[in-house]
Amino acid sequence: MNITTRQGTAEDITAVFELVKELAIYEKALNQVTNNVDKMTRDYHQKLYDFFVAEVDGKIIGLSLYYFRYSTWKGKRLYMEDIIVTEEMRGNGIGKILFDATVSAAKKSGCSGMMWQVLDWNTSAVGFYRKYGTNFDNEWINCNLDF
């Protein structure tokens, strides 16, 4: 299997939105998705977010979507909104590749760290993040890595 990772483009947003819907189904919350391809495209062009995609044979099978935020205590931080890998491709190291690319982007952008959230019932994701030495909070499990 030939996995490639690259910075996403506006042309990828339709495929990316399919991943977003797949995540919402996995989290049993599809009815809460009010975003759509047109809004995501508009917001991408307004530079509200950026993303990496993972591909196998030219098909997008993973995504890491992020944006920058500012902390009065820590300064510039990268916030990873979602990391998604299609169900059939999970367990192949694609999440690690996307996460590492996002960490690298945070460091290259001069961020003091990176933040994200993970649902407490998503034990496979929690275990994945533990491998990075992630700091966990309670409830929604707010996560961060300090650089």
Protein backbone atom coordinates (compact mmCIF):
# COMPACT_ATOMS: atom_id res chain seq x y z
CA MET A 1 0.00 0.00 0.00
CA ASN A 2 1.41 3.37 -1.05
CA ILE A 3 0.30 6.05 1.46
CA THR A 4 1.08 9.67 0.61
CA THR A 5 0.43 12.76 2.71
CA ARG A 6 0.21 16.29 1.40
CA GLN A 7 -1.20 19.72 2.17
CA GLY A 8 -4.85 19.86 1.17
CA THR A 9 -6.28 22.10 -1.54
CA ALA A 10 -9.70 23.56 -2.32
CA GLU A 11 -10.18 20.77 -4.87
CA ASP A 12 -10.04 18.23 -2.01
CA ILE A 13 -12.90 19.70 0.02
CA THR A 14 -15.67 17.52 -1.42
CA ALA A 15 -13.75 14.36 -0.44
CA VAL A 16 -12.81 15.92 2.89
CA PHE A 17 -16.45 16.64 3.69
CA GLU A 18 -17.25 12.96 3.13
CA LEU A 19 -14.67 12.17 5.83
CA VAL A 20 -16.29 14.73 8.13
CA LYS A 21 -19.65 12.99 7.68
CA GLU A 22 -18.04 9.60 8.31
CA LEU A 23 -16.64 10.90 11.60
CA ALA A 24 -20.05 12.29 12.58
CA ILE A 25 -21.62 8.90 11.91
CA TYR A 26 -18.91 7.21 14.00
CA GLU A 27 -19.64 9.65 16.85
CA LYS A 28 -23.40 9.10 16.41
CA ALA A 29 -23.92 12.79 15.68
CA LEU A 30 -24.56 13.14 11.93
CA ASN A 31 -27.68 15.19 12.68
CA GLN A 32 -25.43 17.83 14.28
CA VAL A 33 -23.46 18.52 11.09
CA THR A 34 -24.62 21.83 9.64
CA ASN A 35 -21.53 22.55 7.59
CA ASN A 36 -21.38 21.77 3.86
CA VAL A 37 -18.93 21.79 0.96
CA ASP A 38 -19.79 25.36 -0.08
CA LYS A 39 -19.21 26.74 3.42
CA MET A 40 -16.00 24.78 3.82
CA THR A 41 -14.73 26.04 0.46
CA ARG A 42 -15.57 29.65 1.33
CA ASP A 43 -13.89 29.34 4.73
CA TYR A 44 -10.83 27.67 3.22
CA HIS A 45 -10.40 30.55 0.78
CA GLN A 46 -10.73 32.97 3.72
CA LYS A 47 -7.82 31.05 5.32
CA LEU A 48 -9.85 30.12 8.41
CA TYR A 49 -8.32 26.64 8.41
CA ASP A 50 -5.85 24.41 6.64
CA PHE A 51 -5.49 20.67 6.36
CA PHE A 52 -3.40 17.68 5.39
CA VAL A 53 -4.79 14.72 3.47
CA ALA A 54 -3.58 11.15 3.29
CA GLU A 55 -4.10 9.26 0.05
CA VAL A 56 -3.85 5.70 -1.18
CA ASP A 57 -3.74 5.31 -4.95
CA GLY A 58 -4.95 8.90 -5.36
CA LYS A 59 -8.01 8.43 -3.10
CA ILE A 60 -8.27 10.59 0.03
CA ILE A 61 -8.58 8.29 3.02
CA GLY A 62 -7.49 10.59 5.86
CA LEU A 63 -7.53 14.16 7.04
CA SER A 64 -6.04 16.42 9.69
CA LEU A 65 -7.81 19.79 9.80
CA TYR A 66 -6.31 22.59 11.89
CA TYR A 67 -6.17 26.32 12.48
CA PHE A 68 -4.19 28.73 14.62
CA ARG A 69 -5.39 30.29 17.84
CA TYR A 70 -3.81 32.57 20.37
CA SER A 71 -3.41 31.98 24.10
CA THR A 72 -2.67 34.89 26.39
CA TRP A 73 -0.56 32.52 28.49
CA LYS A 74 1.16 30.48 25.73
CA GLY A 75 1.04 32.62 22.58
CA LYS A 76 0.43 31.11 19.15
CA ARG A 77 -1.03 27.58 19.29
CA LEU A 78 -2.17 25.18 16.60
CA TYR A 79 -5.62 23.73 17.22
CA MET A 80 -6.25 20.39 15.53
CA GLU A 81 -10.00 20.30 14.95
CA ASP A 82 -10.18 16.77 13.61
CA ILE A 83 -8.02 13.88 12.55
CA ILE A 84 -10.03 11.37 10.54
CA VAL A 85 -9.12 8.11 8.83
CA THR A 86 -11.70 6.07 6.95
CA GLU A 87 -12.90 3.08 8.93
CA GLU A 88 -11.47 0.54 6.48
CA MET A 89 -8.00 2.17 6.60
CA ARG A 90 -7.68 2.51 10.39
CA GLY A 91 -4.83 0.56 11.95
CA ASN A 92 -2.39 1.20 9.09
CA GLY A 93 -0.44 4.07 10.69
CA ILE A 94 -2.23 6.77 8.70
CA GLY A 95 -3.38 8.62 11.80
CA LYS A 96 0.24 8.74 13.01
CA ILE A 97 1.43 10.11 9.67
CA LEU A 98 -1.24 12.83 9.72
CA PHE A 99 -0.66 13.66 13.39
CA ASP A 100 3.11 13.92 12.86
CA ALA A 101 2.57 16.20 9.84
CA THR A 102 0.35 18.43 11.98
CA VAL A 103 2.89 18.55 14.82
CA SER A 104 5.56 19.47 12.28
CA ALA A 105 3.36 22.26 10.86
CA ALA A 106 2.87 23.65 14.38
CA LYS A 107 6.59 23.68 15.04
CA LYS A 108 7.44 25.22 11.64
CA SER A 109 4.83 27.94 12.24
CA GLY A 110 6.46 28.97 15.52
CA CYS A 111 3.68 27.67 17.73
CA SER A 112 4.31 27.12 21.43
CA GLY A 113 2.22 23.95 21.24
CA MET A 114 -0.77 22.17 19.88
CA MET A 115 -4.25 21.50 21.26
CA TRP A 116 -7.22 19.30 20.42
CA GLN A 117 -10.09 17.42 22.00
CA VAL A 118 -10.94 13.74 22.13
CA LEU A 119 -14.10 12.11 23.41
CA ASP A 120 -13.45 10.19 26.61
CA TRP A 121 -15.17 7.05 25.25
CA ASN A 122 -12.84 6.94 22.20
CA THR A 123 -10.31 4.70 23.95
CA SER A 124 -8.33 3.90 20.81
CA ALA A 125 -7.74 7.62 20.16
CA VAL A 126 -6.90 8.27 23.82
CA GLY A 127 -4.37 5.43 23.71
CA PHE A 128 -2.90 6.83 20.49
CA TYR A 129 -2.41 10.29 22.02
CA ARG A 130 -0.87 8.84 25.21
CA LYS A 131 2.05 7.61 23.09
CA TYR A 132 2.97 11.25 22.46
CA GLY A 133 3.09 12.20 26.12
CA THR A 134 -0.13 14.18 25.80
CA ASN A 135 -1.44 16.15 28.77
CA PHE A 136 -5.08 15.21 29.46
CA ASP A 137 -7.85 17.14 31.23
CA ASN A 138 -11.18 15.66 32.41
CA GLU A 139 -14.54 15.28 30.63
CA TRP A 140 -13.97 16.16 26.97
CA ILE A 141 -10.28 15.45 27.49
CA ASN A 142 -8.65 18.63 26.28
CA CYS A 143 -5.19 17.81 25.01
CA ASN A 144 -2.01 19.75 24.35
CA LEU A 145 1.64 19.25 23.53
CA ASP A 146 4.08 21.92 24.66
CA PHE A 147 7.13 22.58 22.41
